[in-house]
C-alpha atoms as a PDB file:
ATOM      1  CA  MET A   1       1.398  34.801 -61.491  1.00  0.00           C
ATOM      2  CA  MET A   2      -0.535  31.387 -62.600  1.00  0.00           C
ATOM      3  CA  ARG A   3       1.010  29.019 -64.879  1.00  0.00           C
ATOM      4  CA  LEU A   4       0.242  25.450 -66.332  1.00  0.00           C
ATOM      5  CA  VAL A   5       3.019  22.840 -66.280  1.00  0.00           C
ATOM      6  CA  ARG A   6       3.119  19.340 -68.021  1.00  0.00           C
ATOM      7  CA  LEU A   7       4.671  16.921 -65.278  1.00  0.00           C
ATOM      8  CA  LYS A   8       3.677  13.704 -67.087  1.00  0.00           C
ATOM      9  CA  PRO A   9       1.387  12.571 -69.723  1.00  0.00           C
ATOM     10  CA  LYS A  10      -2.382  13.226 -69.049  1.00  0.00           C
ATOM     11  CA  LYS A  11      -1.786  14.436 -65.712  1.00  0.00           C
ATOM     12  CA  TRP A  12      -1.718  18.669 -65.461  1.00  0.00           C
ATOM     13  CA  HIS A  13      -1.164  20.698 -62.417  1.00  0.00           C
ATOM     14  CA  PHE A  14      -1.667  24.594 -61.407  1.00  0.00           C
ATOM     15  CA  CYS A  15       1.420  25.653 -59.912  1.00  0.00           C
ATOM     16  CA  GLY A  16       1.616  29.582 -58.088  1.00  0.00           C
ATOM     17  CA  LYS A  17       3.089  31.744 -55.718  1.00  0.00           C
ATOM     18  CA  MET A  18       0.176  30.517 -53.122  1.00  0.00           C
ATOM     19  CA  ASN A  19       2.236  29.383 -50.342  1.00  0.00           C
ATOM     20  CA  ASN A  20       4.585  27.521 -52.882  1.00  0.00           C
ATOM     21  CA  THR A  21       1.694  24.954 -52.879  1.00  0.00           C
ATOM     22  CA  VAL A  22       0.920  22.639 -56.092  1.00  0.00           C
ATOM     23  CA  PHE A  23      -2.743  22.044 -56.628  1.00  0.00           C
ATOM     24  CA  PRO A  24      -3.466  19.005 -58.783  1.00  0.00           C
ATOM     25  CA  ILE A  25      -6.062  19.900 -61.252  1.00  0.00           C
ATOM     26  CA  ASN A  26      -7.405  16.552 -60.884  1.00  0.00           C
ATOM     27  CA  ARG A  27      -8.326  17.374 -57.186  1.00  0.00           C
ATOM     28  CA  LEU A  28      -9.515  20.853 -58.092  1.00  0.00           C
ATOM     29  CA  LEU A  29     -12.114  19.023 -60.668  1.00  0.00           C
ATOM     30  CA  SER A  30     -13.215  17.295 -57.716  1.00  0.00           C
ATOM     31  CA  ILE A  31     -13.804  19.873 -55.330  1.00  0.00           C
ATOM     32  CA  LEU A  32     -15.626  21.992 -58.205  1.00  0.00           C
ATOM     33  CA  PHE A  33     -17.765  18.833 -58.755  1.00  0.00           C
ATOM     34  CA  ILE A  34     -19.034  18.086 -55.340  1.00  0.00           C
ATOM     35  CA  SER A  35     -19.706  21.938 -55.095  1.00  0.00           C
ATOM     36  CA  ALA A  36     -21.769  21.556 -57.932  1.00  0.00           C
ATOM     37  CA  VAL A  37     -23.827  18.546 -56.608  1.00  0.00           C
ATOM     38  CA  VAL A  38     -24.495  20.603 -53.712  1.00  0.00           C
ATOM     39  CA  LEU A  39     -25.459  23.198 -55.097  1.00  0.00           C
ATOM     40  CA  THR A  40     -27.729  21.481 -57.415  1.00  0.00           C
ATOM     41  CA  PHE A  41     -29.491  19.635 -55.071  1.00  0.00           C
ATOM     42  CA  SER A  42     -29.691  22.827 -52.383  1.00  0.00           C
ATOM     43  CA  SER A  43     -31.773  24.550 -55.084  1.00  0.00           C
ATOM     44  CA  CYS A  44     -34.126  21.534 -55.806  1.00  0.00           C
ATOM     45  CA  LYS A  45     -37.767  21.915 -55.744  1.00  0.00           C
ATOM     46  CA  LYS A  46     -40.226  19.699 -53.770  1.00  0.00           C
ATOM     47  CA  GLU A  47     -41.555  16.794 -55.909  1.00  0.00           C
ATOM     48  CA  VAL A  48     -44.805  18.114 -58.048  1.00  0.00           C
ATOM     49  CA  THR A  49     -47.658  16.066 -58.390  1.00  0.00           C
ATOM     50  CA  LYS A  50     -48.007  16.140 -62.403  1.00  0.00           C
ATOM     51  CA  ASN A  51     -44.991  13.754 -61.951  1.00  0.00           C
ATOM     52  CA  ILE A  52     -47.456  11.534 -59.764  1.00  0.00           C
ATOM     53  CA  ASP A  53     -49.753   9.356 -60.325  1.00  0.00           C
ATOM     54  CA  GLN A  54     -52.795  11.315 -58.968  1.00  0.00           C
ATOM     55  CA  ASP A  55     -54.401   8.231 -57.388  1.00  0.00           C
ATOM     56  CA  LYS A  56     -51.110   7.527 -55.434  1.00  0.00           C
ATOM     57  CA  ILE A  57     -51.696  11.307 -53.408  1.00  0.00           C
ATOM     58  CA  TRP A  58     -52.086  10.834 -49.625  1.00  0.00           C
ATOM     59  CA  ALA A  59     -53.593  14.014 -48.158  1.00  0.00           C
ATOM     60  CA  SER A  60     -53.812  15.352 -44.897  1.00  0.00           C
ATOM     61  CA  PHE A  61     -55.996  18.295 -43.928  1.00  0.00           C
ATOM     62  CA  ALA A  62     -56.534  19.705 -40.515  1.00  0.00           C
ATOM     63  CA  LEU A  63     -57.645  22.214 -38.060  1.00  0.00           C
ATOM     64  CA  SER A  64     -55.979  23.468 -35.411  1.00  0.00           C
ATOM     65  CA  TYR A  65     -57.350  26.018 -32.624  1.00  0.00           C
ATOM     66  CA  ASP A  66     -54.967  27.670 -29.829  1.00  0.00           C
ATOM     67  CA  GLN A  67     -56.689  29.538 -27.433  1.00  0.00           C
ATOM     68  CA  ASN A  68     -53.200  31.121 -26.311  1.00  0.00           C
ATOM     69  CA  THR A  69     -53.148  32.847 -29.317  1.00  0.00           C
ATOM     70  CA  ASP A  70     -56.909  32.877 -30.278  1.00  0.00           C
ATOM     71  CA  LYS A  71     -56.102  31.594 -33.946  1.00  0.00           C
ATOM     72  CA  THR A  72     -57.188  28.523 -36.384  1.00  0.00           C
ATOM     73  CA  ILE A  73     -54.579  27.159 -38.332  1.00  0.00           C
ATOM     74  CA  ALA A  74     -55.812  25.458 -41.685  1.00  0.00           C
ATOM     75  CA  THR A  75     -53.346  23.082 -43.030  1.00  0.00           C
ATOM     76  CA  ALA A  76     -53.137  20.589 -46.227  1.00  0.00           C
ATOM     77  CA  LYS A  77     -50.341  18.239 -47.060  1.00  0.00           C
ATOM     78  CA  PHE A  78     -49.923  16.317 -50.020  1.00  0.00           C
ATOM     79  CA  ARG A  79     -47.636  13.081 -49.781  1.00  0.00           C
ATOM     80  CA  PHE A  80     -46.377  10.222 -52.084  1.00  0.00           C
ATOM     81  CA  ASN A  81     -48.266   6.836 -51.417  1.00  0.00           C
ATOM     82  CA  THR A  82     -48.182   7.138 -47.568  1.00  0.00           C
ATOM     83  CA  GLY A  83     -48.143   9.357 -44.579  1.00  0.00           C
ATOM     84  CA  LYS A  84     -44.771   8.852 -44.334  1.00  0.00           C
ATOM     85  CA  GLY A  85     -43.749   9.697 -48.064  1.00  0.00           C
ATOM     86  CA  THR A  86     -42.386  12.781 -50.232  1.00  0.00           C
ATOM     87  CA  LEU A  87     -44.170  15.935 -49.559  1.00  0.00           C
ATOM     88  CA  LEU A  88     -45.710  17.089 -52.830  1.00  0.00           C
ATOM     89  CA  GLU A  89     -46.293  20.472 -54.340  1.00  0.00           C
ATOM     90  CA  LEU A  90     -49.959  20.528 -56.702  1.00  0.00           C
ATOM     91  CA  SER A  91     -49.226  21.472 -59.959  1.00  0.00           C
ATOM     92  CA  ASP A  92     -51.318  24.029 -61.850  1.00  0.00           C
ATOM     93  CA  PRO A  93     -54.212  23.905 -62.249  1.00  0.00           C
ATOM     94  CA  SER A  94     -54.968  21.041 -59.110  1.00  0.00           C
ATOM     95  CA  THR A  95     -55.757  23.552 -56.250  1.00  0.00           C
ATOM     96  CA  VAL A  96     -56.672  23.103 -52.413  1.00  0.00           C
ATOM     97  CA  MET A  97     -59.246  25.096 -50.900  1.00  0.00           C
ATOM     98  CA  LEU A  98     -61.049  25.805 -47.417  1.00  0.00           C
ATOM     99  CA  ASP A  99     -64.479  26.569 -47.505  1.00  0.00           C
ATOM    100  CA  GLY A 100     -64.057  28.094 -50.932  1.00  0.00           C
ATOM    101  CA  THR A 101     -60.889  30.029 -50.200  1.00  0.00           C
ATOM    102  CA  GLU A 102     -57.621  28.803 -51.965  1.00  0.00           C
ATOM    103  CA  ILE A 103     -54.809  28.063 -49.514  1.00  0.00           C
ATOM    104  CA  ASP A 104     -51.361  29.195 -49.961  1.00  0.00           C
ATOM    105  CA  TRP A 105     -48.407  27.180 -50.375  1.00  0.00           C
ATOM    106  CA  LEU A 106     -45.334  27.586 -48.282  1.00  0.00           C
ATOM    107  CA  ALA A 107     -42.410  26.727 -49.771  1.00  0.00           C
ATOM    108  CA  ASP A 108     -39.967  26.257 -47.190  1.00  0.00           C
ATOM    109  CA  SER A 109     -42.318  24.217 -45.616  1.00  0.00           C
ATOM    110  CA  ALA A 110     -43.490  22.716 -48.243  1.00  0.00           C
ATOM    111  CA  PHE A 111     -47.331  22.504 -47.564  1.00  0.00           C
ATOM    112  CA  TYR A 112     -50.106  24.466 -47.441  1.00  0.00           C
ATOM    113  CA  GLN A 113     -51.787  26.642 -44.963  1.00  0.00           C
ATOM    114  CA  MET A 114     -54.224  29.708 -43.814  1.00  0.00           C
ATOM    115  CA  GLU A 115     -54.800  31.811 -40.802  1.00  0.00           C
ATOM    116  CA  LEU A 116     -57.700  32.472 -39.058  1.00  0.00           C
ATOM    117  CA  THR A 117     -58.694  34.808 -36.270  1.00  0.00           C
ATOM    118  CA  GLY A 118     -60.839  33.426 -33.721  1.00  0.00           C
ATOM    119  CA  PHE A 119     -61.997  29.816 -33.279  1.00  0.00           C
ATOM    120  CA  VAL A 120     -63.289  28.459 -36.530  1.00  0.00           C
ATOM    121  CA  PRO A 121     -65.054  24.974 -35.265  1.00  0.00           C
ATOM    122  CA  SER A 122     -65.162  23.338 -38.755  1.00  0.00           C
ATOM    123  CA  GLY A 123     -64.457  23.667 -42.252  1.00  0.00           C
ATOM    124  CA  GLU A 124     -64.624  21.921 -45.776  1.00  0.00           C
ATOM    125  CA  PHE A 125     -61.187  21.181 -47.320  1.00  0.00           C
ATOM    126  CA  THR A 126     -61.853  20.693 -51.233  1.00  0.00           C
ATOM    127  CA  TRP A 127     -58.570  19.638 -53.445  1.00  0.00           C
ATOM    128  CA  VAL A 128     -59.058  18.742 -57.202  1.00  0.00           C
ATOM    129  CA  ASP A 129     -56.596  16.623 -58.683  1.00  0.00           C
ATOM    130  CA  LEU A 130     -55.122  16.704 -62.010  1.00  0.00           C
ATOM    131  CA  ASN A 131     -57.805  14.910 -63.520  1.00  0.00           C
ATOM    132  CA  GLY A 132     -60.328  16.595 -62.340  1.00  0.00           C
ATOM    133  CA  ASN A 133     -61.470  14.562 -59.544  1.00  0.00           C
ATOM    134  CA  MET A 134     -62.645  16.413 -56.189  1.00  0.00           C
ATOM    135  CA  PHE A 135     -62.470  15.243 -52.821  1.00  0.00           C
ATOM    136  CA  ALA A 136     -64.270  17.217 -50.294  1.00  0.00           C
ATOM    137  CA  ASN A 137     -63.465  16.368 -46.285  1.00  0.00           C
ATOM    138  CA  THR A 138     -65.157  18.144 -43.364  1.00  0.00           C
ATOM    139  CA  VAL A 139     -62.542  18.802 -40.439  1.00  0.00           C
ATOM    140  CA  GLU A 140     -64.121  19.396 -37.080  1.00  0.00           C
ATOM    141  CA  ILE A 141     -62.570  20.764 -33.684  1.00  0.00           C
ATOM    142  CA  HIS A 142     -63.968  19.359 -30.453  1.00  0.00           C
ATOM    143  CA  ASP A 143     -63.389  21.370 -27.597  1.00  0.00           C
ATOM    144  CA  VAL A 144     -61.682  20.619 -24.102  1.00  0.00           C
ATOM    145  CA  ASP A 145     -60.743  22.663 -21.223  1.00  0.00           C
ATOM    146  CA  PHE A 146     -58.507  22.327 -18.050  1.00  0.00           C
ATOM    147  CA  PRO A 147     -61.012  21.913 -14.664  1.00  0.00           C
ATOM    148  CA  ALA A 148     -61.526  25.055 -12.866  1.00  0.00           C
ATOM    149  CA  VAL A 149     -59.694  23.633  -9.845  1.00  0.00           C
ATOM    150  CA  LEU A 150     -56.476  21.831 -10.463  1.00  0.00           C
ATOM    151  CA  ASP A 151     -55.189  18.679  -8.609  1.00  0.00           C
ATOM    152  CA  THR A 152     -51.672  19.167  -6.920  1.00  0.00           C
ATOM    153  CA  LEU A 153     -49.454  16.112  -8.322  1.00  0.00           C
ATOM    154  CA  HIS A 154     -46.741  14.679  -5.857  1.00  0.00           C
ATOM    155  CA  TYR A 155     -44.118  12.273  -6.868  1.00  0.00           C
ATOM    156  CA  SER A 156     -45.198   9.748  -4.185  1.00  0.00           C
ATOM    157  CA  ASP A 157     -48.152   9.058  -5.381  1.00  0.00           C
ATOM    158  CA  SER A 158     -47.710   5.847  -7.842  1.00  0.00           C
ATOM    159  CA  VAL A 159     -50.783   7.023  -9.926  1.00  0.00           C
ATOM    160  CA  THR A 160     -52.709  10.312 -10.581  1.00  0.00           C
ATOM    161  CA  TYR A 161     -55.652  10.610 -12.730  1.00  0.00           C
ATOM    162  CA  PHE A 162     -56.175  13.951 -14.206  1.00  0.00           C
ATOM    163  CA  MET A 163     -59.761  14.758 -15.378  1.00  0.00           C
ATOM    164  CA  TRP A 164     -60.437  17.603 -18.080  1.00  0.00           C
ATOM    165  CA  ALA A 165     -63.339  20.167 -17.423  1.00  0.00           C
ATOM    166  CA  GLY A 166     -67.142  18.552 -16.983  1.00  0.00           C
ATOM    167  CA  GLY A 167     -65.206  15.113 -17.489  1.00  0.00           C
ATOM    168  CA  LEU A 168     -67.218  14.517 -20.834  1.00  0.00           C
ATOM    169  CA  PRO A 169     -66.614  11.021 -22.073  1.00  0.00           C
ATOM    170  CA  LEU A 170     -64.063  10.426 -25.058  1.00  0.00           C
ATOM    171  CA  ASP A 171     -66.271   9.934 -28.073  1.00  0.00           C
ATOM    172  CA  SER A 172     -65.107   7.427 -31.057  1.00  0.00           C
ATOM    173  CA  PHE A 173     -61.728   8.644 -32.837  1.00  0.00           C
ATOM    174  CA  GLU A 174     -61.354  11.061 -30.042  1.00  0.00           C
ATOM    175  CA  ALA A 175     -58.263  11.681 -27.962  1.00  0.00           C
ATOM    176  CA  VAL A 176     -56.684  13.808 -25.079  1.00  0.00           C
ATOM    177  CA  LYS A 177     -53.074  14.712 -24.292  1.00  0.00           C
ATOM    178  CA  LEU A 178     -51.798  16.255 -21.185  1.00  0.00           C
ATOM    179  CA  THR A 179     -48.137  17.758 -21.224  1.00  0.00           C
ATOM    180  CA  LEU A 180     -46.115  18.411 -18.345  1.00  0.00           C
ATOM    181  CA  ASP A 181     -42.785  20.477 -18.595  1.00  0.00           C
ATOM    182  CA  GLY A 182     -40.732  21.520 -15.562  1.00  0.00           C
ATOM    183  CA  THR A 183     -37.329  23.592 -15.298  1.00  0.00           C
ATOM    184  CA  GLY A 184     -35.507  21.061 -17.175  1.00  0.00           C
ATOM    185  CA  ASN A 185     -34.291  21.027 -20.944  1.00  0.00           C
ATOM    186  CA  THR A 186     -35.722  17.334 -21.362  1.00  0.00           C
ATOM    187  CA  ASP A 187     -37.876  16.744 -18.810  1.00  0.00           C
ATOM    188  CA  ARG A 188     -41.544  17.494 -20.903  1.00  0.00           C
ATOM    189  CA  ARG A 189     -43.242  14.510 -20.602  1.00  0.00           C
ATOM    190  CA  ASP A 190     -46.899  13.525 -22.238  1.00  0.00           C
ATOM    191  CA  PHE A 191     -49.687  11.554 -20.731  1.00  0.00           C
ATOM    192  CA  SER A 192     -52.778  10.593 -23.506  1.00  0.00           C
ATOM    193  CA  VAL A 193     -55.964   8.426 -23.371  1.00  0.00           C
ATOM    194  CA  ASP A 194     -57.883   7.721 -26.679  1.00  0.00           C
ATOM    195  CA  SER A 195     -59.984   5.094 -25.216  1.00  0.00           C
ATOM    196  CA  LEU A 196     -63.819   5.240 -25.644  1.00  0.00           C
ATOM    197  CA  LEU A 197     -65.766   6.627 -23.037  1.00  0.00           C
ATOM    198  CA  ALA A 198     -62.370   7.655 -21.280  1.00  0.00           C
ATOM    199  CA  THR A 199     -62.737  10.624 -18.719  1.00  0.00           C
ATOM    200  CA  THR A 200     -59.548  10.712 -17.263  1.00  0.00           C
ATOM    201  CA  ILE A 201     -55.931  10.485 -18.235  1.00  0.00           C
ATOM    202  CA  THR A 202     -53.357   8.416 -15.931  1.00  0.00           C
ATOM    203  CA  ILE A 203     -50.436   9.953 -15.273  1.00  0.00           C
ATOM    204  CA  ASP A 204     -47.696   7.365 -13.598  1.00  0.00           C
ATOM    205  CA  SER A 205     -45.539   8.554 -11.098  1.00  0.00           C
ATOM    206  CA  LEU A 206     -42.170   6.829 -12.851  1.00  0.00           C
ATOM    207  CA  ASP A 207     -42.481   9.598 -15.926  1.00  0.00           C
ATOM    208  CA  LEU A 208     -43.987  12.218 -13.208  1.00  0.00           C
ATOM    209  CA  SER A 209     -40.447  11.732 -11.516  1.00  0.00           C
ATOM    210  CA  LYS A 210     -38.436  12.521 -14.481  1.00  0.00           C
ATOM    211  CA  ILE A 211     -40.036  16.182 -14.301  1.00  0.00           C
ATOM    212  CA  LYS A 212     -37.722  18.551 -12.562  1.00  0.00           C
ATOM    213  CA  ILE A 213     -39.305  21.531 -10.182  1.00  0.00           C
ATOM    214  CA  ASP A 214     -38.399  24.662  -9.054  1.00  0.00           C
ATOM    215  CA  THR A 215     -38.310  23.966  -5.031  1.00  0.00           C
ATOM    216  CA  THR A 216     -39.597  27.001  -4.142  1.00  0.00           C
ATOM    217  CA  GLN A 217     -42.534  27.847  -6.383  1.00  0.00           C
ATOM    218  CA  HIS A 218     -42.907  24.060  -7.295  1.00  0.00           C
ATOM    219  CA  LEU A 219     -44.929  24.820 -10.185  1.00  0.00           C
ATOM    220  CA  ILE A 220     -44.864  23.548 -13.945  1.00  0.00           C
ATOM    221  CA  ASP A 221     -46.306  24.146 -17.352  1.00  0.00           C
ATOM    222  CA  ALA A 222     -49.154  22.203 -18.440  1.00  0.00           C
ATOM    223  CA  ILE A 223     -50.649  21.935 -21.897  1.00  0.00           C
ATOM    224  CA  LEU A 224     -53.585  20.508 -23.033  1.00  0.00           C
ATOM    225  CA  VAL A 225     -54.896  18.913 -26.299  1.00  0.00           C
ATOM    226  CA  LYS A 226     -57.949  17.176 -27.777  1.00  0.00           C
ATOM    227  CA  ARG A 227     -57.920  15.563 -31.290  1.00  0.00           C
ATOM    228  CA  TYR A 228     -60.403  14.489 -33.306  1.00  0.00           C
ATOM    229  CA  SER A 229     -59.580  12.613 -36.284  1.00  0.00           C
ATOM    230  CA  PRO A 230     -62.472  10.459 -38.530  1.00  0.00           C
ATOM    231  CA  GLU A 231     -61.778   8.577 -40.984  1.00  0.00           C
ATOM    232  CA  MET A 232     -61.735  10.450 -44.436  1.00  0.00           C
ATOM    233  CA  GLN A 233     -64.717  11.355 -46.490  1.00  0.00           C
ATOM    234  CA  GLU A 234     -63.221  11.241 -49.651  1.00  0.00           C
ATOM    235  CA  ALA A 235     -59.752  10.181 -50.507  1.00  0.00           C
ATOM    236  CA  THR A 236     -57.760   8.313 -53.392  1.00  0.00           C
ATOM    237  CA  SER A 237     -56.907   4.626 -53.346  1.00  0.00           C
ATOM    238  CA  VAL A 238     -54.004   5.084 -50.812  1.00  0.00           C
ATOM    239  CA  GLY A 239     -56.056   7.285 -47.976  1.00  0.00           C
ATOM    240  CA  GLY A 240     -55.293  10.288 -45.884  1.00  0.00           C
ATOM    241  CA  GLU A 241     -56.351  11.934 -42.966  1.00  0.00           C
ATOM    242  CA  ARG A 242     -58.450  14.828 -41.544  1.00  0.00           C
ATOM    243  CA  VAL A 243     -57.632  16.300 -37.775  1.00  0.00           C
ATOM    244  CA  GLY A 244     -59.230  18.629 -35.551  1.00  0.00           C
ATOM    245  CA  LYS A 245     -57.298  19.718 -32.800  1.00  0.00           C
ATOM    246  CA  TYR A 246     -57.976  22.100 -29.623  1.00  0.00           C
ATOM    247  CA  ARG A 247     -55.756  23.768 -27.240  1.00  0.00           C
ATOM    248  CA  PRO A 248     -57.169  25.622 -24.362  1.00  0.00           C
ATOM    249  CA  THR A 249     -55.143  28.690 -22.834  1.00  0.00           C
ATOM    250  CA  ASP A 250     -52.057  27.091 -20.987  1.00  0.00           C
ATOM    251  CA  THR A 251     -51.408  27.035 -17.230  1.00  0.00           C
ATOM    252  CA  LYS A 252     -49.576  25.914 -14.473  1.00  0.00           C
ATOM    253  CA  MET A 253     -49.735  22.633 -12.061  1.00  0.00           C
ATOM    254  CA  LEU A 254     -48.232  22.060  -8.903  1.00  0.00           C
ATOM    255  CA  LEU A 255     -45.867  19.317  -8.364  1.00  0.00           C
ATOM    256  CA  PHE A 256     -44.222  18.413  -4.994  1.00  0.00           C
ATOM    257  CA  GLU A 257     -42.074  15.286  -4.078  1.00  0.00           C
END
């Protein structure tokens, strides 16, 4: 049976037959307070745009196609002031749409996303803020592919040049990234180029040497992604980004010492 025992003025303790332990009430209150704070923060909603100056909303609109799944993912993100600011949920009646269809809010991720079947080469994102201002931005996806015949990579080569299919030179705002992944848990390496008119990616031997291989098959995973990110067509004073990404079917490459 639990009872209250007054030991000193203004100090109360809980006493009871719980392993003959005495629990100070001030300690118990502290624990309860901390628990309440944790529960409060864990249940907090993401910031909403009704509390934000509409001209301080940074927007990101992206279309990403993955040939491995044959799906195009449309994503819209809103942040406060910069690309690293707090993620924002649009307050009613503010909306964001892709080609006239409203994009769903994903509460767990704190952004808007829509899944489309097949390759969708372009789409118009339209966002209307709480002041009735409309911002329309078209996002395009520029494709890329692995060459029909892949070069064999060697640790011993001081440098290797990878050329994507067709060797089409990069245009303005384009970039291509090649990711090579071996058998280790931390040996994934990225190689990229974004120079105007570039046709190859430079693979240096130092980074290549950090990729572990299966000495029986000598195969490593290869992922290729092309990014197209021109300036925003319409945005608030803090700007934003529009990005199109294309990922062809992943493949394997040979790597030898």
